Amino acid sequence: MKSKTFLNNVLIFIGLFCLAIINTHLFSILANYLGIELEIRSKFGFSEIEMLFAAIIVAPLLETLFCQYLLYKLLTKVFNLKSAVVCILIMSLFFSLLHWYNWLYVVATLFGGIILNSFYIIMRNRIGGIYSFLLTILFHALYNSCVEIVNYFT
């Protein structure tokens, strides 16, 4: 039974990860059509290595801590919210507003946040505690790695 649960968790990870990649691709197409820049590298003036470190290590760790772990605790424990959907939407709005580079980037990260926050809450309910936190960091880091690889080659 444990192997079936593990396989189901892996399938959830892969399925939501694929949705995140599709989300990014669709918003990239929309950005190209509208002539809006989604690349944020120039906003910070980071070198390539600094951008990789920030995108793959720092952002997933800090954003998972604040946008998933702490915000979910605040919503469920302090504000006593019971609805996972409402929590996901609030957490995703907060996540997207941290990415205020332009309006389209905020909208794209709102949808990305819905995927990421859904993953966090699903895993929290399935495996709980520190494991859902660590898996969400891994999910986010792998996703950002894919985006950085695509950005490098385009």
N, C-alpha and C. Protein backbone atom coordinates (compact mmCIF):
# COMPACT_ATOMS: atom_id res chain seq x y z
N MET A 1 0.81 -1.20 0.00
CA MET A 1 0.00 0.00 0.00
C MET A 1 0.86 1.27 0.00
N LYS A 2 2.00 1.24 0.71
CA LYS A 2 2.87 2.40 0.74
C LYS A 2 3.41 2.73 -0.64
N SER A 3 3.72 1.71 -1.44
CA SER A 3 4.26 1.97 -2.78
C SER A 3 3.19 2.62 -3.66
N LYS A 4 1.90 2.26 -3.47
CA LYS A 4 0.83 2.87 -4.23
C LYS A 4 0.67 4.34 -3.84
N THR A 5 0.75 4.64 -2.54
CA THR A 5 0.67 6.02 -2.07
C THR A 5 1.84 6.83 -2.60
N PHE A 6 3.03 6.25 -2.57
CA PHE A 6 4.22 6.93 -3.10
C PHE A 6 4.04 7.22 -4.59
N LEU A 7 3.57 6.24 -5.34
CA LEU A 7 3.34 6.41 -6.77
C LEU A 7 2.30 7.50 -7.03
N ASN A 8 1.24 7.51 -6.24
CA ASN A 8 0.22 8.56 -6.39
C ASN A 8 0.81 9.94 -6.12
N ASN A 9 1.66 10.06 -5.11
CA ASN A 9 2.31 11.34 -4.81
C ASN A 9 3.22 11.78 -5.95
N VAL A 10 3.94 10.83 -6.53
CA VAL A 10 4.81 11.13 -7.67
C VAL A 10 3.97 11.58 -8.86
N LEU A 11 2.85 10.92 -9.09
CA LEU A 11 1.97 11.31 -10.21
C LEU A 11 1.38 12.70 -9.99
N ILE A 12 1.03 13.03 -8.76
CA ILE A 12 0.54 14.39 -8.45
C ILE A 12 1.64 15.40 -8.73
N PHE A 13 2.86 15.10 -8.29
CA PHE A 13 4.01 15.98 -8.52
C PHE A 13 4.19 16.21 -10.02
N ILE A 14 4.24 15.15 -10.78
CA ILE A 14 4.47 15.24 -12.23
C ILE A 14 3.32 15.96 -12.92
N GLY A 15 2.08 15.62 -12.55
CA GLY A 15 0.92 16.26 -13.19
C GLY A 15 0.88 17.76 -12.96
N LEU A 16 1.06 18.17 -11.71
CA LEU A 16 1.03 19.61 -11.42
C LEU A 16 2.26 20.31 -11.98
N PHE A 17 3.39 19.62 -12.02
CA PHE A 17 4.59 20.20 -12.63
C PHE A 17 4.35 20.46 -14.11
N CYS A 18 3.73 19.51 -14.79
CA CYS A 18 3.41 19.69 -16.21
C CYS A 18 2.45 20.87 -16.41
N LEU A 19 1.46 21.00 -15.52
CA LEU A 19 0.55 22.16 -15.59
C LEU A 19 1.32 23.47 -15.42
N ALA A 20 2.29 23.49 -14.52
CA ALA A 20 3.09 24.70 -14.30
C ALA A 20 3.88 25.05 -15.56
N ILE A 21 4.44 24.05 -16.22
CA ILE A 21 5.20 24.29 -17.46
C ILE A 21 4.27 24.79 -18.56
N ILE A 22 3.09 24.18 -18.67
CA ILE A 22 2.10 24.62 -19.68
C ILE A 22 1.68 26.05 -19.39
N ASN A 23 1.43 26.38 -18.12
CA ASN A 23 1.07 27.74 -17.73
C ASN A 23 2.13 28.74 -18.19
N THR A 24 3.38 28.42 -17.94
CA THR A 24 4.47 29.31 -18.34
C THR A 24 4.53 29.46 -19.85
N HIS A 25 4.37 28.36 -20.55
CA HIS A 25 4.42 28.40 -22.02
C HIS A 25 3.28 29.25 -22.58
N LEU A 26 2.08 29.08 -22.06
CA LEU A 26 0.93 29.86 -22.55
C LEU A 26 1.12 31.35 -22.28
N PHE A 27 1.61 31.70 -21.09
CA PHE A 27 1.83 33.11 -20.80
C PHE A 27 3.01 33.67 -21.59
N SER A 28 3.96 32.85 -21.93
CA SER A 28 5.06 33.28 -22.80
C SER A 28 4.54 33.61 -24.20
N ILE A 29 3.67 32.76 -24.71
CA ILE A 29 3.06 33.02 -26.02
C ILE A 29 2.25 34.32 -25.97
N LEU A 30 1.45 34.49 -24.91
CA LEU A 30 0.65 35.70 -24.76
C LEU A 30 1.55 36.94 -24.65
N ALA A 31 2.63 36.83 -23.89
CA ALA A 31 3.56 37.95 -23.75
C ALA A 31 4.17 38.33 -25.09
N ASN A 32 4.57 37.34 -25.87
CA ASN A 32 5.13 37.61 -27.20
C ASN A 32 4.10 38.29 -28.09
N TYR A 33 2.86 37.83 -28.03
CA TYR A 33 1.78 38.40 -28.84
C TYR A 33 1.53 39.86 -28.45
N LEU A 34 1.55 40.15 -27.15
CA LEU A 34 1.29 41.49 -26.64
C LEU A 34 2.53 42.39 -26.64
N GLY A 35 3.70 41.79 -26.89
CA GLY A 35 4.94 42.56 -26.86
C GLY A 35 5.37 42.95 -25.46
N ILE A 36 5.08 42.11 -24.49
CA ILE A 36 5.42 42.37 -23.08
C ILE A 36 6.57 41.47 -22.69
N GLU A 37 7.54 42.02 -22.02
CA GLU A 37 8.72 41.28 -21.58
C GLU A 37 8.42 40.55 -20.27
N LEU A 38 8.56 39.22 -20.27
CA LEU A 38 8.40 38.45 -19.03
C LEU A 38 9.74 38.15 -18.37
N GLU A 39 10.81 38.36 -19.08
CA GLU A 39 12.15 38.13 -18.53
C GLU A 39 12.46 39.22 -17.51
N ILE A 40 12.81 38.83 -16.29
CA ILE A 40 13.02 39.81 -15.21
C ILE A 40 14.48 40.03 -14.86
N ARG A 41 15.36 39.33 -15.54
CA ARG A 41 16.79 39.40 -15.23
C ARG A 41 17.28 40.85 -15.20
N SER A 42 16.85 41.66 -16.15
CA SER A 42 17.34 43.03 -16.24
C SER A 42 16.82 43.90 -15.09
N LYS A 43 15.73 43.51 -14.45
CA LYS A 43 15.16 44.29 -13.35
C LYS A 43 16.09 44.33 -12.14
N PHE A 44 16.88 43.28 -11.96
CA PHE A 44 17.72 43.17 -10.77
C PHE A 44 19.19 43.43 -11.04
N GLY A 45 19.61 43.33 -12.28
CA GLY A 45 21.02 43.51 -12.61
C GLY A 45 21.89 42.37 -12.11
N PHE A 46 21.30 41.19 -11.93
CA PHE A 46 22.05 40.02 -11.46
C PHE A 46 22.92 39.45 -12.57
N SER A 47 24.06 38.91 -12.19
CA SER A 47 24.85 38.13 -13.12
C SER A 47 24.11 36.80 -13.34
N GLU A 48 24.57 36.01 -14.30
CA GLU A 48 23.95 34.72 -14.58
C GLU A 48 23.98 33.81 -13.34
N ILE A 49 25.11 33.75 -12.68
CA ILE A 49 25.24 32.86 -11.52
C ILE A 49 24.39 33.37 -10.35
N GLU A 50 24.34 34.68 -10.16
CA GLU A 50 23.50 35.25 -9.10
C GLU A 50 22.03 34.97 -9.37
N MET A 51 21.63 35.09 -10.63
CA MET A 51 20.24 34.82 -10.99
C MET A 51 19.89 33.36 -10.76
N LEU A 52 20.79 32.47 -11.13
CA LEU A 52 20.56 31.04 -10.90
C LEU A 52 20.41 30.75 -9.41
N PHE A 53 21.31 31.30 -8.61
CA PHE A 53 21.26 31.09 -7.16
C PHE A 53 19.95 31.63 -6.58
N ALA A 54 19.58 32.83 -7.00
CA ALA A 54 18.34 33.44 -6.48
C ALA A 54 17.11 32.65 -6.93
N ALA A 55 17.08 32.24 -8.18
CA ALA A 55 15.90 31.56 -8.73
C ALA A 55 15.77 30.12 -8.25
N ILE A 56 16.89 29.44 -8.07
CA ILE A 56 16.84 28.01 -7.78
C ILE A 56 16.99 27.69 -6.29
N ILE A 57 17.63 28.56 -5.54
CA ILE A 57 17.83 28.29 -4.10
C ILE A 57 17.03 29.27 -3.23
N VAL A 58 17.30 30.55 -3.38
CA VAL A 58 16.74 31.55 -2.47
C VAL A 58 15.22 31.69 -2.62
N ALA A 59 14.76 31.92 -3.84
CA ALA A 59 13.32 32.15 -4.05
C ALA A 59 12.47 30.95 -3.62
N PRO A 60 12.79 29.73 -4.05
CA PRO A 60 11.95 28.60 -3.60
C PRO A 60 11.92 28.45 -2.07
N LEU A 61 13.05 28.65 -1.42
CA LEU A 61 13.09 28.51 0.04
C LEU A 61 12.27 29.60 0.72
N LEU A 62 12.53 30.86 0.39
CA LEU A 62 11.83 31.98 1.04
C LEU A 62 10.36 32.04 0.67
N GLU A 63 10.06 31.83 -0.61
CA GLU A 63 8.66 31.90 -1.02
C GLU A 63 7.84 30.75 -0.46
N THR A 64 8.42 29.56 -0.34
CA THR A 64 7.70 28.45 0.28
C THR A 64 7.49 28.73 1.77
N LEU A 65 8.49 29.28 2.41
CA LEU A 65 8.36 29.61 3.82
C LEU A 65 7.24 30.63 4.04
N PHE A 66 7.25 31.72 3.28
CA PHE A 66 6.29 32.80 3.51
C PHE A 66 4.95 32.59 2.82
N CYS A 67 4.97 32.15 1.56
CA CYS A 67 3.74 32.09 0.76
C CYS A 67 2.96 30.80 0.95
N GLN A 68 3.61 29.75 1.42
CA GLN A 68 2.89 28.51 1.66
C GLN A 68 2.84 28.24 3.17
N TYR A 69 3.96 27.90 3.75
CA TYR A 69 3.99 27.43 5.13
C TYR A 69 3.38 28.43 6.13
N LEU A 70 3.97 29.63 6.23
CA LEU A 70 3.52 30.60 7.23
C LEU A 70 2.14 31.17 6.91
N LEU A 71 1.90 31.48 5.66
CA LEU A 71 0.61 32.05 5.28
C LEU A 71 -0.51 31.03 5.49
N TYR A 72 -0.26 29.77 5.17
CA TYR A 72 -1.27 28.73 5.39
C TYR A 72 -1.56 28.58 6.88
N LYS A 73 -0.52 28.60 7.70
CA LYS A 73 -0.71 28.53 9.16
C LYS A 73 -1.53 29.72 9.65
N LEU A 74 -1.21 30.91 9.17
CA LEU A 74 -1.94 32.12 9.56
C LEU A 74 -3.42 32.01 9.16
N LEU A 75 -3.67 31.59 7.94
CA LEU A 75 -5.05 31.51 7.45
C LEU A 75 -5.86 30.45 8.19
N THR A 76 -5.25 29.31 8.48
CA THR A 76 -6.00 28.21 9.10
C THR A 76 -6.03 28.28 10.62
N LYS A 77 -4.98 28.76 11.23
CA LYS A 77 -4.92 28.79 12.70
C LYS A 77 -5.44 30.10 13.28
N VAL A 78 -4.99 31.23 12.74
CA VAL A 78 -5.39 32.53 13.28
C VAL A 78 -6.77 32.93 12.77
N PHE A 79 -6.98 32.84 11.44
CA PHE A 79 -8.25 33.24 10.84
C PHE A 79 -9.24 32.09 10.73
N ASN A 80 -8.81 30.89 11.11
CA ASN A 80 -9.67 29.71 11.19
C ASN A 80 -10.37 29.39 9.86
N LEU A 81 -9.69 29.64 8.75
CA LEU A 81 -10.26 29.30 7.44
C LEU A 81 -10.25 27.78 7.28
N LYS A 82 -11.34 27.25 6.82
CA LYS A 82 -11.46 25.80 6.63
C LYS A 82 -11.40 25.40 5.16
N SER A 83 -11.68 26.34 4.27
CA SER A 83 -11.74 26.04 2.84
C SER A 83 -10.35 26.05 2.21
N ALA A 84 -9.97 24.89 1.67
CA ALA A 84 -8.67 24.81 0.99
C ALA A 84 -8.65 25.71 -0.24
N VAL A 85 -9.78 25.82 -0.93
CA VAL A 85 -9.85 26.66 -2.14
C VAL A 85 -9.61 28.12 -1.79
N VAL A 86 -10.25 28.60 -0.73
CA VAL A 86 -10.06 29.99 -0.31
C VAL A 86 -8.61 30.23 0.11
N CYS A 87 -8.04 29.28 0.85
CA CYS A 87 -6.62 29.39 1.24
C CYS A 87 -5.72 29.45 0.01
N ILE A 88 -5.97 28.58 -0.94
CA ILE A 88 -5.16 28.55 -2.17
C ILE A 88 -5.26 29.88 -2.90
N LEU A 89 -6.45 30.43 -3.02
CA LEU A 89 -6.62 31.71 -3.73
C LEU A 89 -5.93 32.86 -3.01
N ILE A 90 -6.07 32.94 -1.70
CA ILE A 90 -5.41 34.01 -0.93
C ILE A 90 -3.89 33.87 -1.01
N MET A 91 -3.41 32.65 -0.81
CA MET A 91 -1.96 32.41 -0.88
C MET A 91 -1.42 32.74 -2.28
N SER A 92 -2.18 32.41 -3.31
CA SER A 92 -1.75 32.65 -4.68
C SER A 92 -1.74 34.13 -5.01
N LEU A 93 -2.72 34.86 -4.50
CA LEU A 93 -2.74 36.31 -4.70
C LEU A 93 -1.53 36.94 -4.04
N PHE A 94 -1.24 36.55 -2.81
CA PHE A 94 -0.06 37.05 -2.10
C PHE A 94 1.21 36.72 -2.89
N PHE A 95 1.33 35.46 -3.35
CA PHE A 95 2.49 35.02 -4.13
C PHE A 95 2.64 35.86 -5.40
N SER A 96 1.54 36.09 -6.10
CA SER A 96 1.62 36.83 -7.36
C SER A 96 2.01 38.29 -7.13
N LEU A 97 1.53 38.89 -6.04
CA LEU A 97 1.87 40.29 -5.77
C LEU A 97 3.34 40.47 -5.40
N LEU A 98 4.00 39.39 -4.98
CA LEU A 98 5.44 39.46 -4.74
C LEU A 98 6.22 39.52 -6.06
N HIS A 99 5.54 39.23 -7.15
CA HIS A 99 6.18 39.19 -8.47
C HIS A 99 5.68 40.34 -9.34
N TRP A 100 5.63 41.53 -8.77
CA TRP A 100 5.10 42.69 -9.46
C TRP A 100 6.16 43.32 -10.37
N TYR A 101 6.41 42.68 -11.50
CA TYR A 101 7.34 43.23 -12.48
C TYR A 101 6.58 43.91 -13.60
N ASN A 102 5.45 43.35 -13.96
CA ASN A 102 4.47 43.96 -14.85
C ASN A 102 3.16 43.21 -14.66
N TRP A 103 2.09 43.75 -15.19
CA TRP A 103 0.77 43.16 -14.92
C TRP A 103 0.65 41.73 -15.43
N LEU A 104 1.26 41.42 -16.57
CA LEU A 104 1.14 40.07 -17.11
C LEU A 104 1.92 39.07 -16.26
N TYR A 105 3.04 39.50 -15.73
CA TYR A 105 3.82 38.62 -14.85
C TYR A 105 3.03 38.30 -13.58
N VAL A 106 2.30 39.28 -13.06
CA VAL A 106 1.47 39.06 -11.88
C VAL A 106 0.37 38.04 -12.18
N VAL A 107 -0.27 38.18 -13.34
CA VAL A 107 -1.33 37.24 -13.72
C VAL A 107 -0.75 35.84 -13.92
N ALA A 108 0.39 35.77 -14.59
CA ALA A 108 1.03 34.46 -14.82
C ALA A 108 1.41 33.80 -13.50
N THR A 109 1.96 34.58 -12.57
CA THR A 109 2.34 33.98 -11.28
C THR A 109 1.13 33.71 -10.39
N LEU A 110 0.01 34.38 -10.65
CA LEU A 110 -1.22 34.03 -9.94
C LEU A 110 -1.62 32.59 -10.29
N PHE A 111 -1.63 32.28 -11.58
CA PHE A 111 -1.96 30.92 -12.00
C PHE A 111 -0.88 29.93 -11.55
N GLY A 112 0.38 30.32 -11.67
CA GLY A 112 1.47 29.48 -11.17
C GLY A 112 1.35 29.25 -9.67
N GLY A 113 0.95 30.29 -8.94
CA GLY A 113 0.76 30.19 -7.50
C GLY A 113 -0.38 29.23 -7.15
N ILE A 114 -1.44 29.25 -7.94
CA ILE A 114 -2.55 28.31 -7.71
C ILE A 114 -2.04 26.88 -7.83
N ILE A 115 -1.22 26.62 -8.82
CA ILE A 115 -0.65 25.28 -9.00
C ILE A 115 0.26 24.93 -7.83
N LEU A 116 1.17 25.84 -7.49
CA LEU A 116 2.13 25.60 -6.41
C LEU A 116 1.44 25.44 -5.05
N ASN A 117 0.48 26.30 -4.77
CA ASN A 117 -0.24 26.22 -3.50
C ASN A 117 -1.14 25.00 -3.42
N SER A 118 -1.71 24.60 -4.54
CA SER A 118 -2.49 23.36 -4.57
C SER A 118 -1.59 22.18 -4.24
N PHE A 119 -0.40 22.17 -4.85
CA PHE A 119 0.56 21.11 -4.56
C PHE A 119 0.89 21.07 -3.07
N TYR A 120 1.18 22.25 -2.50
CA TYR A 120 1.54 22.31 -1.07
C TYR A 120 0.42 21.75 -0.19
N ILE A 121 -0.80 22.19 -0.43
CA ILE A 121 -1.91 21.75 0.42
C ILE A 121 -2.23 20.27 0.20
N ILE A 122 -2.17 19.81 -1.04
CA ILE A 122 -2.39 18.38 -1.30
C ILE A 122 -1.34 17.56 -0.55
N MET A 123 -0.08 17.93 -0.69
CA MET A 123 0.98 17.17 -0.03
C MET A 123 0.90 17.31 1.49
N ARG A 124 0.51 18.47 1.97
CA ARG A 124 0.36 18.67 3.43
C ARG A 124 -0.70 17.72 3.97
N ASN A 125 -1.79 17.57 3.22
CA ASN A 125 -2.86 16.67 3.65
C ASN A 125 -2.48 15.20 3.48
N ARG A 126 -1.62 14.91 2.51
CA ARG A 126 -1.26 13.51 2.25
C ARG A 126 -0.10 13.03 3.12
N ILE A 127 0.94 13.87 3.25
CA ILE A 127 2.13 13.42 3.98
C ILE A 127 2.49 14.31 5.15
N GLY A 128 1.94 15.52 5.18
CA GLY A 128 2.07 16.41 6.33
C GLY A 128 3.43 17.02 6.54
N GLY A 129 3.43 17.94 7.48
CA GLY A 129 4.62 18.54 8.06
C GLY A 129 5.74 18.97 7.15
N ILE A 130 6.92 18.65 7.60
CA ILE A 130 8.15 19.10 6.95
C ILE A 130 8.29 18.54 5.54
N TYR A 131 7.73 17.35 5.29
CA TYR A 131 7.88 16.75 3.97
C TYR A 131 7.15 17.55 2.89
N SER A 132 5.97 18.04 3.21
CA SER A 132 5.25 18.86 2.22
C SER A 132 6.00 20.17 1.97
N PHE A 133 6.59 20.72 3.01
CA PHE A 133 7.40 21.94 2.88
C PHE A 133 8.60 21.69 1.97
N LEU A 134 9.33 20.61 2.24
CA LEU A 134 10.52 20.29 1.45
C LEU A 134 10.17 19.92 0.01
N LEU A 135 9.08 19.18 -0.18
CA LEU A 135 8.67 18.84 -1.55
C LEU A 135 8.25 20.07 -2.34
N THR A 136 7.62 21.02 -1.67
CA THR A 136 7.21 22.25 -2.36
C THR A 136 8.45 23.06 -2.75
N ILE A 137 9.45 23.11 -1.89
CA ILE A 137 10.71 23.77 -2.25
C ILE A 137 11.32 23.07 -3.47
N LEU A 138 11.35 21.75 -3.46
CA LEU A 138 11.89 20.99 -4.59
C LEU A 138 11.09 21.27 -5.87
N PHE A 139 9.78 21.23 -5.77
CA PHE A 139 8.90 21.51 -6.91
C PHE A 139 9.23 22.88 -7.50
N HIS A 140 9.28 23.89 -6.63
CA HIS A 140 9.54 25.27 -7.04
C HIS A 140 10.95 25.41 -7.64
N ALA A 141 11.93 24.78 -7.01
CA ALA A 141 13.31 24.86 -7.50
C ALA A 141 13.45 24.18 -8.87
N LEU A 142 12.82 23.02 -9.03
CA LEU A 142 12.87 22.34 -10.34
C LEU A 142 12.17 23.15 -11.41
N TYR A 143 11.04 23.72 -11.05
CA TYR A 143 10.31 24.56 -12.00
C TYR A 143 11.17 25.76 -12.41
N ASN A 144 11.73 26.48 -11.43
CA ASN A 144 12.59 27.63 -11.75
C ASN A 144 13.82 27.21 -12.55
N SER A 145 14.34 26.02 -12.29
CA SER A 145 15.47 25.50 -13.08
C SER A 145 15.08 25.33 -14.54
N CYS A 146 13.90 24.79 -14.77
CA CYS A 146 13.42 24.61 -16.16
C CYS A 146 13.28 25.96 -16.85
N VAL A 147 12.71 26.93 -16.13
CA VAL A 147 12.55 28.28 -16.71
C VAL A 147 13.91 28.89 -17.02
N GLU A 148 14.86 28.73 -16.11
CA GLU A 148 16.21 29.27 -16.34
C GLU A 148 16.89 28.59 -17.53
N ILE A 149 16.71 27.30 -17.68
CA ILE A 149 17.29 26.58 -18.83
C ILE A 149 16.70 27.11 -20.13
N VAL A 150 15.37 27.27 -20.16
CA VAL A 150 14.72 27.80 -21.37
C VAL A 150 15.20 29.21 -21.66
N ASN A 151 15.28 30.05 -20.61
CA ASN A 151 15.74 31.43 -20.79
C ASN A 151 17.18 31.47 -21.31
N TYR A 152 17.99 30.54 -20.87
CA TYR A 152 19.40 30.50 -21.31
C TYR A 152 19.50 30.20 -22.80
N PHE A 153 18.63 29.32 -23.29
CA PHE A 153 18.73 28.89 -24.67
C PHE A 153 17.87 29.70 -25.64
N THR A 154 17.14 30.70 -25.12
CA THR A 154 16.32 31.52 -26.02
C THR A 154 16.82 32.92 -26.10
